[in-house]
């Protein structure tokens, strides 16, 4: 089973590389006129203190100041990143009801996706044509908030793209099964952050070129 999964993952990655130029940018960015910066949210970043992490408002202010200081349209980071800050949330902390299990699950610290920080209200675009698979408001601390998942297919392989931290109003009038076209506006960022992930058969991948033109 493991060999099959690895083979499927490699095949999927090859398909993503093959179709790299087919992806529409998830957010608009002009490489010749605008800048993208990177940010590290692991324990290596000594500037991010527990005080900053403690409240969403303070953390958002820290990110916004960093973005404006560098004159970046977007700050990008987070993919495959170990984040100690997840320990603040019961959602990732491994807290469980002892009556349901003898040993608590291992706390999740790995960030499975990409964060894109920019202006609140930034429009989000479908990278490929697809169908609305599901949507929900994940209200737990540290979770995705208003979330949308699209189902796509390339060369016979189905996969999903996930968008989190969206404006709640953008998921109030949509329905599962509706088709969306490549480059269509599917939502807008609720605040200064957009979470983006690509998922296939419980395997996460990050195609290059999805936020650049």
N, C-alpha and C. Protein backbone atom coordinates (compact mmCIF):
# COMPACT_ATOMS: atom_id res chain seq x y z
N UNK A 1 0.83 -1.21 0.00
CA UNK A 1 0.00 0.00 0.00
C UNK A 1 0.87 1.26 0.00
N UNK A 2 1.97 1.24 0.79
CA UNK A 2 2.86 2.38 0.85
C UNK A 2 3.49 2.65 -0.50
N UNK A 3 3.93 1.56 -1.20
CA UNK A 3 4.54 1.72 -2.51
C UNK A 3 3.55 2.32 -3.50
N UNK A 4 2.29 1.90 -3.42
CA UNK A 4 1.26 2.43 -4.31
C UNK A 4 1.05 3.91 -4.04
N UNK A 5 1.00 4.28 -2.76
CA UNK A 5 0.81 5.68 -2.39
C UNK A 5 1.96 6.55 -2.88
N UNK A 6 3.19 6.09 -2.71
CA UNK A 6 4.36 6.84 -3.16
C UNK A 6 4.33 6.99 -4.68
N UNK A 7 3.98 5.91 -5.38
CA UNK A 7 3.92 5.97 -6.84
C UNK A 7 2.86 6.96 -7.31
N UNK A 8 1.72 6.96 -6.64
CA UNK A 8 0.65 7.90 -6.98
C UNK A 8 1.08 9.34 -6.72
N UNK A 9 1.78 9.54 -5.61
CA UNK A 9 2.27 10.88 -5.27
C UNK A 9 3.23 11.38 -6.33
N UNK A 10 4.16 10.54 -6.75
CA UNK A 10 5.13 10.94 -7.76
C UNK A 10 4.45 11.23 -9.09
N UNK A 11 3.45 10.42 -9.43
CA UNK A 11 2.72 10.64 -10.68
C UNK A 11 1.95 11.94 -10.62
N UNK A 12 1.35 12.21 -9.47
CA UNK A 12 0.59 13.45 -9.30
C UNK A 12 1.51 14.67 -9.40
N UNK A 13 2.68 14.59 -8.78
CA UNK A 13 3.63 15.69 -8.84
C UNK A 13 4.07 15.95 -10.28
N UNK A 14 4.24 14.89 -11.06
CA UNK A 14 4.62 15.04 -12.46
C UNK A 14 3.51 15.71 -13.26
N UNK A 15 2.26 15.35 -12.96
CA UNK A 15 1.12 15.98 -13.63
C UNK A 15 1.06 17.47 -13.28
N UNK A 16 1.32 17.80 -12.02
CA UNK A 16 1.30 19.20 -11.61
C UNK A 16 2.38 20.00 -12.33
N UNK A 17 3.56 19.42 -12.46
CA UNK A 17 4.64 20.11 -13.19
C UNK A 17 4.27 20.28 -14.67
N UNK A 18 3.67 19.25 -15.24
CA UNK A 18 3.28 19.28 -16.64
C UNK A 18 2.29 20.41 -16.92
N UNK A 19 1.38 20.63 -15.99
CA UNK A 19 0.32 21.63 -16.18
C UNK A 19 0.60 22.94 -15.44
N UNK A 20 1.82 23.15 -15.01
CA UNK A 20 2.15 24.32 -14.20
C UNK A 20 1.70 25.63 -14.85
N UNK A 21 1.87 25.74 -16.16
CA UNK A 21 1.52 26.97 -16.85
C UNK A 21 0.01 27.14 -17.02
N UNK A 22 -0.75 26.10 -16.72
CA UNK A 22 -2.20 26.17 -16.86
C UNK A 22 -2.88 26.80 -15.65
N UNK A 23 -2.16 26.91 -14.55
CA UNK A 23 -2.76 27.45 -13.33
C UNK A 23 -2.92 28.96 -13.41
N UNK A 24 -4.11 29.41 -13.07
CA UNK A 24 -4.35 30.85 -12.94
C UNK A 24 -3.89 31.27 -11.55
N UNK A 25 -3.30 32.47 -11.40
CA UNK A 25 -2.89 32.92 -10.06
C UNK A 25 -4.06 32.90 -9.08
N UNK A 26 -3.81 32.45 -7.88
CA UNK A 26 -4.84 32.44 -6.83
C UNK A 26 -5.13 33.86 -6.36
N UNK A 27 -4.09 34.70 -6.34
CA UNK A 27 -4.25 36.13 -6.07
C UNK A 27 -3.47 36.90 -7.14
N UNK A 28 -3.87 38.11 -7.42
CA UNK A 28 -3.20 38.89 -8.46
C UNK A 28 -1.90 39.48 -7.92
N UNK A 29 -0.85 39.30 -8.72
CA UNK A 29 0.47 39.82 -8.35
C UNK A 29 1.25 40.10 -9.63
N UNK A 30 1.83 41.33 -9.71
CA UNK A 30 2.61 41.72 -10.87
C UNK A 30 4.10 41.75 -10.49
N UNK A 31 4.83 40.73 -10.96
CA UNK A 31 6.21 40.53 -10.53
C UNK A 31 7.10 41.72 -10.85
N UNK A 32 6.83 42.43 -11.94
CA UNK A 32 7.69 43.54 -12.32
C UNK A 32 7.46 44.80 -11.51
N UNK A 33 6.31 44.89 -10.84
CA UNK A 33 5.96 46.11 -10.13
C UNK A 33 5.79 45.91 -8.62
N UNK A 34 5.55 44.69 -8.21
CA UNK A 34 5.24 44.42 -6.80
C UNK A 34 6.20 43.39 -6.23
N UNK A 35 6.22 43.32 -4.89
CA UNK A 35 7.15 42.42 -4.22
C UNK A 35 6.41 41.43 -3.32
N UNK A 36 7.01 40.23 -3.21
CA UNK A 36 6.54 39.22 -2.27
C UNK A 36 7.66 38.95 -1.27
N UNK A 37 7.31 38.91 0.00
CA UNK A 37 8.29 38.59 1.03
C UNK A 37 7.96 37.27 1.69
N UNK A 38 8.94 36.68 2.34
CA UNK A 38 8.74 35.43 3.07
C UNK A 38 8.81 35.69 4.56
N UNK A 39 8.09 34.90 5.33
CA UNK A 39 8.13 35.03 6.77
C UNK A 39 8.21 33.66 7.41
N UNK A 40 9.02 33.56 8.43
CA UNK A 40 9.26 32.31 9.17
C UNK A 40 8.48 32.37 10.48
N UNK A 41 7.58 31.41 10.68
CA UNK A 41 6.80 31.38 11.92
C UNK A 41 7.14 30.16 12.78
N UNK A 42 8.34 29.63 12.58
CA UNK A 42 8.81 28.55 13.44
C UNK A 42 9.46 29.16 14.67
N UNK A 43 9.98 28.30 15.54
CA UNK A 43 10.65 28.78 16.75
C UNK A 43 11.93 29.54 16.42
N UNK A 44 12.41 29.46 15.19
CA UNK A 44 13.61 30.18 14.79
C UNK A 44 13.40 31.70 14.74
N UNK A 45 12.16 32.12 14.61
CA UNK A 45 11.85 33.55 14.56
C UNK A 45 11.72 34.07 15.99
N UNK A 46 12.77 34.65 16.49
CA UNK A 46 12.80 35.14 17.86
C UNK A 46 12.00 36.43 18.06
N UNK A 47 11.63 37.08 16.95
CA UNK A 47 10.86 38.32 17.05
C UNK A 47 9.42 38.06 17.46
N UNK A 48 8.94 36.86 17.14
CA UNK A 48 7.54 36.53 17.44
C UNK A 48 7.45 35.95 18.84
N UNK A 49 7.03 36.76 19.77
CA UNK A 49 6.96 36.35 21.18
C UNK A 49 5.59 35.74 21.50
N UNK A 50 5.50 35.14 22.66
CA UNK A 50 4.23 34.58 23.10
C UNK A 50 3.17 35.67 23.23
N UNK A 51 3.61 36.87 23.59
CA UNK A 51 2.67 37.99 23.72
C UNK A 51 2.02 38.31 22.37
N UNK A 52 2.82 38.26 21.30
CA UNK A 52 2.29 38.52 19.96
C UNK A 52 1.34 37.42 19.54
N UNK A 53 1.71 36.17 19.85
CA UNK A 53 0.89 35.03 19.46
C UNK A 53 -0.40 34.91 20.25
N UNK A 54 -0.42 35.53 21.41
CA UNK A 54 -1.52 35.29 22.35
C UNK A 54 -2.87 35.75 21.80
N UNK A 55 -2.90 36.82 21.04
CA UNK A 55 -4.16 37.36 20.53
C UNK A 55 -4.10 37.52 19.02
N UNK A 56 -5.19 37.18 18.36
CA UNK A 56 -5.26 37.28 16.91
C UNK A 56 -4.99 38.69 16.43
N UNK A 57 -5.53 39.69 17.13
CA UNK A 57 -5.36 41.08 16.72
C UNK A 57 -3.89 41.49 16.76
N UNK A 58 -3.19 41.09 17.82
CA UNK A 58 -1.78 41.42 17.95
C UNK A 58 -0.93 40.74 16.89
N UNK A 59 -1.25 39.49 16.61
CA UNK A 59 -0.52 38.75 15.59
C UNK A 59 -0.75 39.37 14.21
N UNK A 60 -1.99 39.72 13.92
CA UNK A 60 -2.31 40.35 12.63
C UNK A 60 -1.57 41.67 12.47
N UNK A 61 -1.47 42.42 13.57
CA UNK A 61 -0.75 43.70 13.52
C UNK A 61 0.72 43.47 13.24
N UNK A 62 1.32 42.45 13.86
CA UNK A 62 2.72 42.13 13.64
C UNK A 62 2.97 41.81 12.16
N UNK A 63 2.11 40.97 11.59
CA UNK A 63 2.24 40.58 10.18
C UNK A 63 2.11 41.80 9.28
N UNK A 64 1.13 42.66 9.57
CA UNK A 64 0.89 43.82 8.73
C UNK A 64 2.06 44.79 8.77
N UNK A 65 2.64 44.98 9.95
CA UNK A 65 3.79 45.86 10.09
C UNK A 65 4.97 45.32 9.29
N UNK A 66 5.21 44.01 9.39
CA UNK A 66 6.31 43.39 8.63
C UNK A 66 6.09 43.55 7.12
N UNK A 67 4.86 43.39 6.69
CA UNK A 67 4.55 43.49 5.27
C UNK A 67 4.77 44.91 4.77
N UNK A 68 4.31 45.88 5.53
CA UNK A 68 4.43 47.28 5.11
C UNK A 68 5.88 47.77 5.20
N UNK A 69 6.62 47.29 6.18
CA UNK A 69 8.02 47.69 6.30
C UNK A 69 8.83 47.25 5.08
N UNK A 70 8.51 46.08 4.56
CA UNK A 70 9.21 45.58 3.39
C UNK A 70 8.60 46.02 2.08
N UNK A 71 7.52 46.79 2.16
CA UNK A 71 6.80 47.24 0.97
C UNK A 71 6.37 46.05 0.10
N UNK A 72 5.90 44.99 0.77
CA UNK A 72 5.46 43.78 0.08
C UNK A 72 3.96 43.83 -0.17
N UNK A 73 3.55 43.41 -1.35
CA UNK A 73 2.11 43.24 -1.56
C UNK A 73 1.61 42.05 -0.76
N UNK A 74 2.46 41.00 -0.73
CA UNK A 74 2.11 39.81 0.04
C UNK A 74 3.31 39.31 0.84
N UNK A 75 3.03 38.78 2.02
CA UNK A 75 3.99 37.98 2.76
C UNK A 75 3.54 36.53 2.61
N UNK A 76 4.47 35.65 2.32
CA UNK A 76 4.12 34.25 2.07
C UNK A 76 4.95 33.36 2.98
N UNK A 77 4.33 32.33 3.49
CA UNK A 77 5.07 31.38 4.32
C UNK A 77 4.16 30.28 4.81
N UNK A 78 4.76 29.38 5.53
CA UNK A 78 3.94 28.40 6.24
C UNK A 78 3.93 26.99 5.70
N UNK A 79 4.27 26.76 4.41
CA UNK A 79 4.14 25.41 3.90
C UNK A 79 5.17 24.47 4.53
N UNK A 80 4.68 23.38 5.11
CA UNK A 80 5.53 22.35 5.73
C UNK A 80 6.34 22.92 6.89
N UNK A 81 5.76 23.89 7.58
CA UNK A 81 6.46 24.60 8.65
C UNK A 81 6.02 24.09 10.01
N UNK A 82 6.96 23.84 10.91
CA UNK A 82 6.63 23.43 12.27
C UNK A 82 6.33 24.67 13.10
N UNK A 83 5.11 24.76 13.58
CA UNK A 83 4.67 25.96 14.29
C UNK A 83 4.33 25.64 15.74
N UNK A 84 5.18 26.11 16.63
CA UNK A 84 4.93 25.90 18.05
C UNK A 84 3.67 26.62 18.51
N UNK A 85 3.28 27.67 17.79
CA UNK A 85 2.12 28.47 18.18
C UNK A 85 0.82 27.66 18.16
N UNK A 86 0.79 26.53 17.43
CA UNK A 86 -0.41 25.71 17.40
C UNK A 86 -0.73 25.14 18.78
N UNK A 87 0.25 25.15 19.67
CA UNK A 87 0.02 24.65 21.01
C UNK A 87 -0.99 25.47 21.78
N UNK A 88 -1.29 26.68 21.31
CA UNK A 88 -2.27 27.52 21.99
C UNK A 88 -3.69 27.09 21.72
N UNK A 89 -3.89 26.27 20.67
CA UNK A 89 -5.24 25.89 20.28
C UNK A 89 -5.54 24.45 20.64
N UNK A 90 -6.69 24.19 21.27
CA UNK A 90 -7.09 22.83 21.58
C UNK A 90 -7.31 22.01 20.32
N UNK A 91 -7.56 22.70 19.22
CA UNK A 91 -7.80 22.02 17.95
C UNK A 91 -6.59 21.20 17.53
N UNK A 92 -5.38 21.70 17.83
CA UNK A 92 -4.15 21.02 17.42
C UNK A 92 -3.36 20.46 18.59
N UNK A 93 -3.82 20.73 19.80
CA UNK A 93 -3.02 20.40 20.96
C UNK A 93 -3.07 18.97 21.42
N UNK A 94 -3.88 18.13 20.79
CA UNK A 94 -3.93 16.73 21.19
C UNK A 94 -4.80 16.49 22.40
N UNK A 95 -5.63 17.47 22.79
CA UNK A 95 -6.53 17.28 23.92
C UNK A 95 -7.73 16.45 23.51
N UNK A 96 -7.97 15.35 24.18
CA UNK A 96 -9.07 14.47 23.84
C UNK A 96 -9.79 14.03 25.09
N UNK A 97 -10.95 13.48 24.89
CA UNK A 97 -11.73 12.93 25.98
C UNK A 97 -11.15 11.58 26.37
N UNK A 98 -10.66 11.44 27.59
CA UNK A 98 -10.00 10.22 27.99
C UNK A 98 -10.90 9.00 27.95
N UNK A 99 -12.21 9.20 27.97
CA UNK A 99 -13.13 8.07 27.91
C UNK A 99 -13.16 7.45 26.52
N UNK A 100 -12.71 8.22 25.52
CA UNK A 100 -12.76 7.73 24.16
C UNK A 100 -11.46 7.07 23.71
N UNK A 101 -10.37 7.36 24.40
CA UNK A 101 -9.09 6.77 24.00
C UNK A 101 -8.17 6.67 25.20
N UNK A 102 -7.30 5.68 25.21
CA UNK A 102 -6.39 5.48 26.32
C UNK A 102 -5.18 6.40 26.25
N UNK A 103 -4.76 6.74 25.04
CA UNK A 103 -3.61 7.62 24.88
C UNK A 103 -3.97 8.78 23.95
N UNK A 104 -3.65 10.00 24.36
CA UNK A 104 -3.99 11.15 23.52
C UNK A 104 -3.19 11.16 22.23
N UNK A 105 -3.76 11.72 21.16
CA UNK A 105 -3.04 11.78 19.89
C UNK A 105 -1.86 12.74 19.98
N UNK A 106 -0.91 12.58 19.10
CA UNK A 106 0.24 13.47 19.06
C UNK A 106 -0.19 14.85 18.60
N UNK A 107 0.21 15.89 19.32
CA UNK A 107 -0.17 17.25 18.92
C UNK A 107 0.33 17.56 17.52
N UNK A 108 -0.50 18.28 16.75
CA UNK A 108 -0.11 18.66 15.39
C UNK A 108 0.57 20.00 15.41
N UNK A 109 1.78 20.07 14.86
CA UNK A 109 2.53 21.31 14.79
C UNK A 109 2.89 21.66 13.35
N UNK A 110 2.74 20.71 12.42
CA UNK A 110 3.13 20.94 11.04
C UNK A 110 2.02 21.69 10.31
N UNK A 111 2.38 22.81 9.70
CA UNK A 111 1.40 23.61 8.96
C UNK A 111 1.27 23.07 7.55
N UNK A 112 0.12 22.50 7.23
CA UNK A 112 -0.09 21.84 5.94
C UNK A 112 -0.79 22.77 4.96
N UNK A 113 -0.03 23.69 4.41
CA UNK A 113 -0.61 24.63 3.47
C UNK A 113 0.29 25.84 3.31
N UNK A 114 -0.18 26.83 2.60
CA UNK A 114 0.55 28.07 2.39
C UNK A 114 -0.30 29.24 2.87
N UNK A 115 0.31 30.14 3.63
CA UNK A 115 -0.38 31.36 4.06
C UNK A 115 0.05 32.51 3.16
N UNK A 116 -0.91 33.31 2.76
CA UNK A 116 -0.65 34.49 1.94
C UNK A 116 -1.24 35.69 2.67
N UNK A 117 -0.39 36.57 3.16
CA UNK A 117 -0.87 37.75 3.89
C UNK A 117 -0.84 38.97 2.98
N UNK A 118 -1.96 39.65 2.90
CA UNK A 118 -2.06 40.86 2.09
C UNK A 118 -3.15 41.76 2.66
N UNK A 119 -3.74 42.58 1.81
CA UNK A 119 -4.80 43.48 2.25
C UNK A 119 -6.09 42.70 2.48
N UNK A 120 -6.83 43.09 3.50
CA UNK A 120 -8.15 42.50 3.72
C UNK A 120 -9.02 42.76 2.50
N UNK A 121 -9.80 41.76 2.10
CA UNK A 121 -10.66 41.91 0.94
C UNK A 121 -10.00 41.50 -0.35
N UNK A 122 -8.75 41.01 -0.29
CA UNK A 122 -8.06 40.55 -1.50
C UNK A 122 -8.88 39.47 -2.20
N UNK A 123 -9.09 39.65 -3.50
CA UNK A 123 -9.89 38.68 -4.25
C UNK A 123 -9.10 37.38 -4.46
N UNK A 124 -9.84 36.27 -4.40
CA UNK A 124 -9.26 34.94 -4.56
C UNK A 124 -9.82 34.32 -5.84
N UNK A 125 -8.93 33.75 -6.65
CA UNK A 125 -9.32 33.23 -7.96
C UNK A 125 -9.13 31.71 -8.03
N UNK A 126 -9.99 31.06 -8.79
CA UNK A 126 -9.87 29.61 -9.01
C UNK A 126 -8.67 29.35 -9.91
N UNK A 127 -7.72 28.51 -9.50
CA UNK A 127 -6.54 28.25 -10.33
C UNK A 127 -6.86 27.42 -11.57
N UNK A 128 -7.91 26.62 -11.49
CA UNK A 128 -8.37 25.78 -12.60
C UNK A 128 -9.88 25.67 -12.54
N UNK A 129 -10.48 25.22 -13.62
CA UNK A 129 -11.90 24.94 -13.57
C UNK A 129 -12.15 23.78 -12.61
N UNK A 130 -13.29 23.78 -11.98
CA UNK A 130 -13.59 22.72 -11.02
C UNK A 130 -15.00 22.85 -10.47
N UNK A 131 -15.26 22.08 -9.44
CA UNK A 131 -16.58 22.03 -8.84
C UNK A 131 -16.45 22.32 -7.34
N UNK A 132 -17.44 23.01 -6.80
CA UNK A 132 -17.45 23.23 -5.35
C UNK A 132 -17.71 21.89 -4.67
N UNK A 133 -16.71 21.43 -3.93
CA UNK A 133 -16.83 20.15 -3.23
C UNK A 133 -17.55 20.32 -1.90
N UNK A 134 -17.11 21.32 -1.12
CA UNK A 134 -17.70 21.55 0.20
C UNK A 134 -17.28 22.92 0.71
N UNK A 135 -17.96 23.36 1.75
CA UNK A 135 -17.62 24.63 2.39
C UNK A 135 -18.15 24.59 3.82
N UNK A 136 -17.53 25.38 4.69
CA UNK A 136 -17.94 25.37 6.10
C UNK A 136 -17.33 26.58 6.81
N UNK A 137 -17.88 26.88 7.98
CA UNK A 137 -17.30 27.90 8.84
C UNK A 137 -16.65 27.19 10.01
N UNK A 138 -15.33 27.09 9.98
CA UNK A 138 -14.56 26.41 11.03
C UNK A 138 -14.12 27.46 12.06
N UNK A 139 -14.89 27.56 13.13
CA UNK A 139 -14.76 28.70 14.03
C UNK A 139 -13.78 28.50 15.18
N UNK A 140 -13.17 27.32 15.31
CA UNK A 140 -12.24 27.09 16.41
C UNK A 140 -11.02 27.99 16.31
N UNK A 141 -10.45 28.32 17.46
CA UNK A 141 -9.26 29.16 17.48
C UNK A 141 -8.14 28.46 16.71
N UNK A 142 -7.52 29.17 15.77
CA UNK A 142 -6.44 28.60 14.99
C UNK A 142 -6.89 27.84 13.76
N UNK A 143 -8.21 27.73 13.56
CA UNK A 143 -8.73 26.98 12.41
C UNK A 143 -8.87 27.92 11.21
N UNK A 144 -9.46 27.39 10.11
CA UNK A 144 -9.52 28.11 8.85
C UNK A 144 -10.61 29.17 8.75
N UNK A 145 -11.53 29.24 9.71
CA UNK A 145 -12.64 30.17 9.56
C UNK A 145 -13.51 29.73 8.40
N UNK A 146 -14.01 30.70 7.62
CA UNK A 146 -14.81 30.36 6.44
C UNK A 146 -13.90 29.67 5.43
N UNK A 147 -14.29 28.45 5.03
CA UNK A 147 -13.43 27.59 4.22
C UNK A 147 -14.18 27.07 3.00
N UNK A 148 -13.48 27.01 1.88
CA UNK A 148 -14.04 26.50 0.64
C UNK A 148 -13.09 25.46 0.05
N UNK A 149 -13.63 24.34 -0.44
CA UNK A 149 -12.83 23.31 -1.09
C UNK A 149 -13.38 23.07 -2.49
N UNK A 150 -12.49 23.15 -3.49
CA UNK A 150 -12.85 22.87 -4.88
C UNK A 150 -12.28 21.53 -5.31
N UNK A 151 -13.02 20.83 -6.15
CA UNK A 151 -12.57 19.57 -6.73
C UNK A 151 -12.16 19.81 -8.18
N UNK A 152 -10.96 19.37 -8.56
CA UNK A 152 -10.45 19.53 -9.92
C UNK A 152 -10.03 18.16 -10.46
N UNK A 153 -9.67 18.15 -11.74
CA UNK A 153 -9.15 16.92 -12.34
C UNK A 153 -8.18 17.27 -13.46
N UNK A 154 -7.02 16.62 -13.44
CA UNK A 154 -6.02 16.78 -14.49
C UNK A 154 -5.53 15.41 -14.92
N UNK A 155 -5.58 15.13 -16.20
CA UNK A 155 -5.13 13.84 -16.74
C UNK A 155 -5.74 12.66 -15.99
N UNK A 156 -7.01 12.81 -15.62
CA UNK A 156 -7.71 11.72 -14.95
C UNK A 156 -7.50 11.64 -13.46
N UNK A 157 -6.67 12.53 -12.89
CA UNK A 157 -6.41 12.53 -11.45
C UNK A 157 -7.26 13.60 -10.76
N UNK A 158 -8.12 13.20 -9.85
CA UNK A 158 -8.87 14.19 -9.07
C UNK A 158 -8.02 14.72 -7.92
N UNK A 159 -8.16 16.00 -7.63
CA UNK A 159 -7.48 16.59 -6.48
C UNK A 159 -8.29 17.80 -6.04
N UNK A 160 -7.90 18.34 -4.91
CA UNK A 160 -8.68 19.41 -4.28
C UNK A 160 -7.81 20.62 -3.99
N UNK A 161 -8.41 21.81 -4.03
CA UNK A 161 -7.75 23.00 -3.54
C UNK A 161 -8.60 23.57 -2.40
N UNK A 162 -7.92 23.96 -1.33
CA UNK A 162 -8.59 24.44 -0.12
C UNK A 162 -8.24 25.91 0.09
N UNK A 163 -9.23 26.69 0.48
CA UNK A 163 -9.07 28.12 0.72
C UNK A 163 -9.66 28.44 2.08
N UNK A 164 -8.85 28.98 2.97
CA UNK A 164 -9.32 29.30 4.31
C UNK A 164 -9.16 30.78 4.63
N UNK A 165 -9.78 31.21 5.73
CA UNK A 165 -9.77 32.61 6.17
C UNK A 165 -10.48 33.50 5.15
N UNK A 166 -11.57 33.00 4.59
CA UNK A 166 -12.35 33.76 3.62
C UNK A 166 -13.40 34.60 4.32
N UNK A 167 -13.99 35.51 3.56
CA UNK A 167 -15.11 36.29 4.07
C UNK A 167 -16.31 35.35 4.23
N UNK A 168 -16.95 35.41 5.37
CA UNK A 168 -18.07 34.51 5.65
C UNK A 168 -19.20 34.68 4.64
N UNK A 169 -19.41 35.91 4.19
CA UNK A 169 -20.51 36.14 3.24
C UNK A 169 -20.28 35.42 1.92
N UNK A 170 -19.01 35.10 1.60
CA UNK A 170 -18.71 34.44 0.32
C UNK A 170 -19.14 32.98 0.29
N UNK A 171 -19.38 32.38 1.44
CA UNK A 171 -19.82 30.98 1.44
C UNK A 171 -21.29 30.83 1.85
N UNK A 172 -21.97 31.96 2.03
CA UNK A 172 -23.36 31.90 2.48
C UNK A 172 -24.34 31.62 1.34
N UNK A 173 -23.94 31.93 0.10
CA UNK A 173 -24.88 31.79 -1.02
C UNK A 173 -24.34 30.88 -2.12
N UNK A 174 -23.49 29.92 -1.74
CA UNK A 174 -22.97 28.97 -2.72
C UNK A 174 -23.53 27.59 -2.42
N UNK A 175 -23.35 26.68 -3.34
CA UNK A 175 -23.87 25.32 -3.15
C UNK A 175 -22.88 24.31 -3.69
N UNK A 176 -22.78 23.18 -3.01
CA UNK A 176 -21.90 22.11 -3.46
C UNK A 176 -22.36 21.61 -4.82
N UNK A 177 -21.41 21.27 -5.67
CA UNK A 177 -21.72 20.77 -7.00
C UNK A 177 -21.71 21.83 -8.08
N UNK A 178 -21.66 23.10 -7.69
CA UNK A 178 -21.64 24.17 -8.67
C UNK A 178 -20.28 24.25 -9.35
N UNK A 179 -20.27 24.44 -10.68
CA UNK A 179 -19.02 24.53 -11.42
C UNK A 179 -18.45 25.95 -11.35
N UNK A 180 -17.14 26.04 -11.22
CA UNK A 180 -16.45 27.32 -11.28
C UNK A 180 -15.40 27.24 -12.38
N UNK A 181 -15.23 28.30 -13.12
CA UNK A 181 -14.29 28.31 -14.24
C UNK A 181 -12.93 28.83 -13.80
N UNK A 182 -11.92 28.48 -14.56
CA UNK A 182 -10.55 28.93 -14.29
C UNK A 182 -10.52 30.46 -14.28
N UNK A 183 -9.91 31.03 -13.25
CA UNK A 183 -9.78 32.47 -13.16
C UNK A 183 -10.98 33.20 -12.59
N UNK A 184 -12.04 32.45 -12.24
CA UNK A 184 -13.22 33.08 -11.66
C UNK A 184 -12.95 33.52 -10.23
N UNK A 185 -13.52 34.64 -9.83
CA UNK A 185 -13.41 35.08 -8.44
C UNK A 185 -14.28 34.16 -7.60
N UNK A 186 -13.69 33.47 -6.64
CA UNK A 186 -14.45 32.52 -5.82
C UNK A 186 -14.71 33.04 -4.42
N UNK A 187 -13.94 34.04 -3.99
CA UNK A 187 -14.12 34.56 -2.63
C UNK A 187 -13.17 35.75 -2.45
N UNK A 188 -13.15 36.26 -1.23
CA UNK A 188 -12.18 37.28 -0.86
C UNK A 188 -11.67 36.98 0.55
N UNK A 189 -10.45 37.41 0.83
CA UNK A 189 -9.86 37.16 2.15
C UNK A 189 -10.60 37.97 3.20
N UNK A 190 -10.90 37.33 4.33
CA UNK A 190 -11.69 38.00 5.37
C UNK A 190 -10.91 39.08 6.08
N UNK A 191 -9.63 38.84 6.29
CA UNK A 191 -8.78 39.82 6.96
C UNK A 191 -7.50 39.95 6.16
N UNK A 192 -6.36 39.79 6.81
CA UNK A 192 -5.10 39.97 6.10
C UNK A 192 -4.47 38.65 5.70
N UNK A 193 -5.19 37.55 5.84
CA UNK A 193 -4.59 36.25 5.59
C UNK A 193 -5.46 35.38 4.72
N UNK A 194 -4.81 34.62 3.82
CA UNK A 194 -5.48 33.60 3.03
C UNK A 194 -4.69 32.31 3.20
N UNK A 195 -5.37 31.22 3.53
CA UNK A 195 -4.73 29.91 3.60
C UNK A 195 -5.04 29.15 2.32
N UNK A 196 -4.01 28.55 1.73
CA UNK A 196 -4.18 27.84 0.46
C UNK A 196 -3.46 26.50 0.52
N UNK A 197 -4.16 25.43 0.11
CA UNK A 197 -3.56 24.11 0.07
C UNK A 197 -4.04 23.36 -1.16
N UNK A 198 -3.21 22.44 -1.64
CA UNK A 198 -3.58 21.50 -2.69
C UNK A 198 -3.51 20.11 -2.10
N UNK A 199 -4.59 19.33 -2.24
CA UNK A 199 -4.65 18.02 -1.63
C UNK A 199 -5.01 16.96 -2.66
N UNK A 200 -4.32 15.82 -2.57
CA UNK A 200 -4.64 14.68 -3.43
C UNK A 200 -4.48 13.41 -2.64
N UNK A 201 -5.56 12.64 -2.50
CA UNK A 201 -5.51 11.34 -1.81
C UNK A 201 -4.82 11.45 -0.46
N UNK A 202 -5.19 12.50 0.31
CA UNK A 202 -4.61 12.78 1.62
C UNK A 202 -3.13 13.15 1.55
N UNK A 203 -2.66 13.49 0.34
CA UNK A 203 -1.29 13.94 0.16
C UNK A 203 -1.33 15.40 -0.21
N UNK A 204 -0.55 16.22 0.47
CA UNK A 204 -0.55 17.64 0.17
C UNK A 204 0.63 17.99 -0.72
N UNK A 205 0.37 18.79 -1.72
CA UNK A 205 1.42 19.24 -2.63
C UNK A 205 1.28 20.74 -2.81
N UNK A 206 2.33 21.39 -3.27
CA UNK A 206 2.28 22.82 -3.47
C UNK A 206 2.82 23.16 -4.85
N UNK A 207 1.96 23.29 -5.86
CA UNK A 207 2.45 23.58 -7.19
C UNK A 207 3.06 24.97 -7.26
N UNK A 208 4.20 25.08 -7.91
CA UNK A 208 4.82 26.40 -8.05
C UNK A 208 4.09 27.20 -9.10
N UNK A 209 4.13 28.52 -8.97
CA UNK A 209 3.52 29.39 -9.97
C UNK A 209 2.06 29.72 -9.72
N UNK A 210 1.50 29.33 -8.58
CA UNK A 210 0.07 29.55 -8.39
C UNK A 210 -0.25 30.96 -7.91
N UNK A 211 0.74 31.72 -7.47
CA UNK A 211 0.42 33.09 -7.07
C UNK A 211 1.25 34.09 -7.86
N UNK A 212 1.77 33.67 -9.00
CA UNK A 212 2.51 34.60 -9.85
C UNK A 212 1.98 34.57 -11.26
N UNK A 213 2.18 35.63 -11.98
CA UNK A 213 1.75 35.71 -13.38
C UNK A 213 2.96 35.50 -14.29
